[in-house]
C-alpha atoms as a PDB file:
ATOM      1  CA  MET A   1       0.144  -0.058   0.317  1.00  0.00           C
ATOM      2  CA  ASN A   2       1.596   3.439  -0.836  1.00  0.00           C
ATOM      3  CA  ILE A   3       1.530   6.605   1.359  1.00  0.00           C
ATOM      4  CA  ASP A   4      -1.239   8.273  -0.364  1.00  0.00           C
ATOM      5  CA  ASP A   5      -3.549   5.111   0.138  1.00  0.00           C
ATOM      6  CA  ARG A   6      -2.773   4.726   3.392  1.00  0.00           C
ATOM      7  CA  SER A   7      -3.780   8.610   4.363  1.00  0.00           C
ATOM      8  CA  ARG A   8      -6.492   8.548   2.067  1.00  0.00           C
ATOM      9  CA  TYR A   9      -7.760   5.307   3.950  1.00  0.00           C
ATOM     10  CA  LEU A  10      -6.886   6.852   7.246  1.00  0.00           C
ATOM     11  CA  LYS A  11      -8.839  10.298   6.401  1.00  0.00           C
ATOM     12  CA  GLU A  12     -12.056   8.235   5.646  1.00  0.00           C
ATOM     13  CA  MET A  13     -11.902   6.203   9.126  1.00  0.00           C
ATOM     14  CA  GLY A  14     -11.798   9.732  10.559  1.00  0.00           C
ATOM     15  CA  ILE A  15      -8.143   9.432  11.852  1.00  0.00           C
ATOM     16  CA  THR A  16      -5.950  12.300  12.157  1.00  0.00           C
ATOM     17  CA  GLU A  17      -2.741  11.664  10.578  1.00  0.00           C
ATOM     18  CA  TRP A  18       0.254  13.149  12.034  1.00  0.00           C
ATOM     19  CA  SER A  19       3.468  14.417  10.342  1.00  0.00           C
ATOM     20  CA  LEU A  20       6.711  15.279  11.580  1.00  0.00           C
ATOM     21  CA  ARG A  21       8.023  18.732  11.490  1.00  0.00           C
ATOM     22  CA  SER A  22      10.713  18.967   9.221  1.00  0.00           C
ATOM     23  CA  ALA A  23      14.271  18.785   9.787  1.00  0.00           C
ATOM     24  CA  ALA A  24      14.682  22.586   8.995  1.00  0.00           C
ATOM     25  CA  GLU A  25      12.203  23.592  11.663  1.00  0.00           C
ATOM     26  CA  VAL A  26      13.746  21.518  14.308  1.00  0.00           C
ATOM     27  CA  SER A  27      17.530  22.254  13.713  1.00  0.00           C
ATOM     28  CA  PRO A  28      17.962  25.704  12.546  1.00  0.00           C
ATOM     29  CA  PRO A  29      21.345  26.074  10.236  1.00  0.00           C
ATOM     30  CA  SER A  30      23.251  28.099  12.427  1.00  0.00           C
ATOM     31  CA  MET A  31      23.644  27.952  16.146  1.00  0.00           C
ATOM     32  CA  SER A  32      26.191  29.864  18.439  1.00  0.00           C
ATOM     33  CA  PRO A  33      27.895  27.035  20.366  1.00  0.00           C
ATOM     34  CA  ASN A  34      26.866  29.243  23.462  1.00  0.00           C
ATOM     35  CA  ALA A  35      23.280  28.824  22.799  1.00  0.00           C
ATOM     36  CA  GLU A  36      20.960  26.753  24.423  1.00  0.00           C
ATOM     37  CA  PRO A  37      19.305  25.186  22.321  1.00  0.00           C
ATOM     38  CA  HIS A  38      15.612  25.861  23.723  1.00  0.00           C
ATOM     39  CA  GLN A  39      16.643  29.262  22.904  1.00  0.00           C
ATOM     40  CA  ALA A  40      17.189  28.706  18.868  1.00  0.00           C
ATOM     41  CA  ILE A  41      13.875  26.366  18.466  1.00  0.00           C
ATOM     42  CA  SER A  42      12.098  29.317  20.230  1.00  0.00           C
ATOM     43  CA  ASN A  43      13.058  31.536  17.015  1.00  0.00           C
ATOM     44  CA  LEU A  44      10.446  29.213  14.910  1.00  0.00           C
ATOM     45  CA  GLU A  45       7.109  30.475  14.542  1.00  0.00           C
ATOM     46  CA  PRO A  46       4.393  28.916  16.871  1.00  0.00           C
ATOM     47  CA  LYS A  47       1.640  27.279  14.767  1.00  0.00           C
ATOM     48  CA  VAL A  48      -1.010  26.187  17.481  1.00  0.00           C
ATOM     49  CA  TYR A  49      -1.058  27.341  21.105  1.00  0.00           C
ATOM     50  CA  TRP A  50      -1.866  25.140  24.289  1.00  0.00           C
ATOM     51  CA  LEU A  51      -3.305  25.941  27.817  1.00  0.00           C
ATOM     52  CA  PHE A  52      -2.556  23.490  30.425  1.00  0.00           C
ATOM     53  CA  TYR A  53      -4.204  23.497  33.609  1.00  0.00           C
ATOM     54  CA  GLY A  54      -3.683  22.254  36.820  1.00  0.00           C
ATOM     55  CA  GLN A  55      -1.799  21.918  40.206  1.00  0.00           C
ATOM     56  CA  ALA A  56       1.724  23.146  39.263  1.00  0.00           C
ATOM     57  CA  PRO A  57       3.923  20.175  38.680  1.00  0.00           C
ATOM     58  CA  GLY A  58       7.384  19.511  40.672  1.00  0.00           C
ATOM     59  CA  GLY A  59       9.546  16.536  40.954  1.00  0.00           C
ATOM     60  CA  ASP A  60       8.788  13.770  38.709  1.00  0.00           C
ATOM     61  CA  GLN A  61       5.305  15.487  37.714  1.00  0.00           C
ATOM     62  CA  GLU A  62       7.718  17.948  36.234  1.00  0.00           C
ATOM     63  CA  ARG A  63       9.273  15.173  34.127  1.00  0.00           C
ATOM     64  CA  LEU A  64       6.332  13.659  33.435  1.00  0.00           C
ATOM     65  CA  PHE A  65       4.952  16.900  31.889  1.00  0.00           C
ATOM     66  CA  GLN A  66       8.327  17.657  30.185  1.00  0.00           C
ATOM     67  CA  ASN A  67       7.989  14.527  28.425  1.00  0.00           C
ATOM     68  CA  ILE A  68       4.194  15.205  27.286  1.00  0.00           C
ATOM     69  CA  ILE A  69       5.791  18.527  25.772  1.00  0.00           C
ATOM     70  CA  LEU A  70       8.474  16.662  24.186  1.00  0.00           C
ATOM     71  CA  ALA A  71       6.179  13.723  22.694  1.00  0.00           C
ATOM     72  CA  LEU A  72       3.462  16.711  21.480  1.00  0.00           C
ATOM     73  CA  GLY A  73       6.802  18.116  19.625  1.00  0.00           C
ATOM     74  CA  LEU A  74       5.582  21.518  21.219  1.00  0.00           C
ATOM     75  CA  LEU A  75       8.054  24.656  20.649  1.00  0.00           C
ATOM     76  CA  PRO A  76       8.413  26.994  23.796  1.00  0.00           C
ATOM     77  CA  LYS A  77       6.061  29.775  22.471  1.00  0.00           C
ATOM     78  CA  GLU A  78       3.502  26.912  21.746  1.00  0.00           C
ATOM     79  CA  TRP A  79       2.082  26.338  25.564  1.00  0.00           C
ATOM     80  CA  GLU A  80       1.448  27.749  28.744  1.00  0.00           C
ATOM     81  CA  TRP A  81       0.879  26.592  32.031  1.00  0.00           C
ATOM     82  CA  ARG A  82      -1.758  28.065  34.284  1.00  0.00           C
ATOM     83  CA  SER A  83      -3.772  27.542  37.504  1.00  0.00           C
ATOM     84  CA  PRO A  84      -7.221  26.288  37.067  1.00  0.00           C
ATOM     85  CA  THR A  85      -8.626  30.227  38.389  1.00  0.00           C
ATOM     86  CA  ASP A  86      -6.719  31.826  35.680  1.00  0.00           C
ATOM     87  CA  THR A  87      -9.549  32.253  33.194  1.00  0.00           C
ATOM     88  CA  GLN A  88      -8.106  34.831  31.280  1.00  0.00           C
ATOM     89  CA  ALA A  89      -8.342  34.552  27.176  1.00  0.00           C
ATOM     90  CA  PRO A  90      -4.650  33.841  26.004  1.00  0.00           C
ATOM     91  CA  ASN A  91      -3.192  36.729  23.990  1.00  0.00           C
ATOM     92  CA  THR A  92      -2.772  34.878  20.853  1.00  0.00           C
ATOM     93  CA  HIS A  93      -4.273  35.222  17.377  1.00  0.00           C
ATOM     94  CA  LEU A  94      -2.982  31.074  16.762  1.00  0.00           C
ATOM     95  CA  PRO A  95      -5.388  28.019  17.122  1.00  0.00           C
ATOM     96  CA  CYS A  96      -6.043  27.162  20.863  1.00  0.00           C
ATOM     97  CA  VAL A  97      -6.998  24.296  22.969  1.00  0.00           C
ATOM     98  CA  ALA A  98      -7.074  24.137  26.566  1.00  0.00           C
ATOM     99  CA  PHE A  99      -6.071  21.072  28.378  1.00  0.00           C
ATOM    100  CA  ALA A 100      -7.030  20.385  32.595  1.00  0.00           C
ATOM    101  CA  PHE A 101      -4.952  17.963  34.784  1.00  0.00           C
ATOM    102  CA  GLY A 102      -7.675  16.480  37.242  1.00  0.00           C
ATOM    103  CA  GLU A 103     -10.886  16.797  38.032  1.00  0.00           C
ATOM    104  CA  HIS A 104     -10.880  19.946  39.828  1.00  0.00           C
ATOM    105  CA  ALA A 105      -9.123  21.982  37.254  1.00  0.00           C
ATOM    106  CA  ALA A 106     -11.994  20.637  34.724  1.00  0.00           C
ATOM    107  CA  GLN A 107     -14.768  21.466  37.157  1.00  0.00           C
ATOM    108  CA  THR A 108     -13.707  24.802  37.818  1.00  0.00           C
ATOM    109  CA  LEU A 109     -12.953  25.665  34.366  1.00  0.00           C
ATOM    110  CA  SER A 110     -15.976  24.231  32.394  1.00  0.00           C
ATOM    111  CA  GLY A 111     -18.348  25.191  35.164  1.00  0.00           C
ATOM    112  CA  GLU A 112     -19.237  21.315  35.646  1.00  0.00           C
ATOM    113  CA  GLN A 113     -20.015  19.207  38.526  1.00  0.00           C
ATOM    114  CA  GLU A 114     -19.717  15.938  36.784  1.00  0.00           C
ATOM    115  CA  PRO A 115     -16.700  13.777  37.935  1.00  0.00           C
ATOM    116  CA  LEU A 116     -14.010  13.265  36.127  1.00  0.00           C
ATOM    117  CA  ALA A 117     -14.551   9.830  34.602  1.00  0.00           C
ATOM    118  CA  HIS A 118     -17.824  11.910  32.976  1.00  0.00           C
ATOM    119  CA  LEU A 119     -15.720  14.968  31.887  1.00  0.00           C
ATOM    120  CA  ARG A 120     -13.282  12.861  30.186  1.00  0.00           C
ATOM    121  CA  ASP A 121     -13.472  11.974  26.338  1.00  0.00           C
ATOM    122  CA  VAL A 122     -16.088  15.234  25.788  1.00  0.00           C
ATOM    123  CA  VAL A 123     -14.784  18.478  24.161  1.00  0.00           C
ATOM    124  CA  LEU A 124     -15.816  21.054  27.051  1.00  0.00           C
ATOM    125  CA  GLU A 125     -15.407  24.765  26.944  1.00  0.00           C
ATOM    126  CA  ILE A 126     -13.909  27.080  29.288  1.00  0.00           C
ATOM    127  CA  ALA A 127     -16.905  28.813  30.970  1.00  0.00           C
ATOM    128  CA  GLY A 128     -17.589  31.958  29.236  1.00  0.00           C
ATOM    129  CA  GLN A 129     -15.146  31.664  26.148  1.00  0.00           C
ATOM    130  CA  ASP A 130     -15.087  29.953  22.882  1.00  0.00           C
ATOM    131  CA  ILE A 131     -11.477  27.792  23.715  1.00  0.00           C
ATOM    132  CA  PRO A 132     -12.393  24.201  23.791  1.00  0.00           C
ATOM    133  CA  LEU A 133     -11.261  22.127  26.786  1.00  0.00           C
ATOM    134  CA  ILE A 134     -10.264  18.557  27.266  1.00  0.00           C
ATOM    135  CA  ALA A 135     -10.349  17.100  31.038  1.00  0.00           C
ATOM    136  CA  SER A 136      -7.828  14.020  31.722  1.00  0.00           C
ATOM    137  CA  VAL A 137      -6.174  12.829  34.615  1.00  0.00           C
ATOM    138  CA  ASP A 138      -3.772  14.469  37.076  1.00  0.00           C
ATOM    139  CA  LEU A 139      -0.262  13.881  36.440  1.00  0.00           C
ATOM    140  CA  ALA A 140      -0.171  12.692  39.951  1.00  0.00           C
ATOM    141  CA  HIS A 141      -2.468  10.156  39.141  1.00  0.00           C
ATOM    142  CA  CYS A 142      -0.579   8.867  36.322  1.00  0.00           C
ATOM    143  CA  LEU A 143       2.637   8.681  38.506  1.00  0.00           C
ATOM    144  CA  SER A 144       0.642   6.275  41.296  1.00  0.00           C
ATOM    145  CA  ARG A 145      -1.311   4.343  38.457  1.00  0.00           C
ATOM    146  CA  PRO A 146       1.049   3.946  35.434  1.00  0.00           C
ATOM    147  CA  LYS A 147      -1.304   2.132  33.350  1.00  0.00           C
ATOM    148  CA  ASP A 148      -3.330   5.122  33.532  1.00  0.00           C
ATOM    149  CA  LYS A 149      -0.910   6.896  31.370  1.00  0.00           C
ATOM    150  CA  ALA A 150      -3.320   5.405  28.139  1.00  0.00           C
ATOM    151  CA  LEU A 151      -5.660   7.227  29.280  1.00  0.00           C
ATOM    152  CA  LEU A 152      -3.637  10.908  29.470  1.00  0.00           C
ATOM    153  CA  TRP A 153      -2.427   9.901  26.056  1.00  0.00           C
ATOM    154  CA  GLN A 154      -5.754   9.380  24.595  1.00  0.00           C
ATOM    155  CA  ASP A 155      -7.103  12.623  26.124  1.00  0.00           C
ATOM    156  CA  LEU A 156      -4.095  14.273  24.587  1.00  0.00           C
ATOM    157  CA  LEU A 157      -4.879  12.726  21.039  1.00  0.00           C
ATOM    158  CA  LEU A 158      -8.300  14.164  21.531  1.00  0.00           C
ATOM    159  CA  ALA A 159      -6.733  17.684  22.270  1.00  0.00           C
ATOM    160  CA  ARG A 160      -4.782  17.553  19.555  1.00  0.00           C
ATOM    161  CA  SER A 161      -7.343  16.327  16.927  1.00  0.00           C
ATOM    162  CA  VAL A 162      -9.301  19.167  18.203  1.00  0.00           C
ATOM    163  CA  LEU A 163      -6.491  21.549  17.320  1.00  0.00           C
ATOM    164  CA  GLN A 164      -6.282  20.527  13.996  1.00  0.00           C
ATOM    165  CA  SER A 165      -9.925  21.034  13.133  1.00  0.00           C
ATOM    166  CA  LEU A 166      -9.870  24.475  14.615  1.00  0.00           C
END
């Protein structure tokens, strides 16, 4: 099966196909030896914007979160961590999605009182704004129950597909 057929079949099934950023975007042609790699990458133009909400991560939770950022391929200018009480609209023209880690963050942002199990797998909105919100498990929960990282990944994929449809 060639690539065009595969892409067409995936599209017909409603599966979003991901593509890697080009090598030119990931590694800039000239980088001074003293420059930090994230400084060189931050010169690229952002294409999307993610708002992550929840309790500020630390230690292993922070490492897990940084791995999520790497897996999503996000640039430093493409995401922001916020407290669930900070519902100020982002100052960006880019397509934006909000991602809530944990039941408290999801309920606070959406205004819903349902348990997390009912808020997951649904595209919510930040109350009073036109920003799609995806609810997921808390980072601490994923560390205490590693099998539930699959749920987190499912939610991240949903958020990414919502973002691609904007």
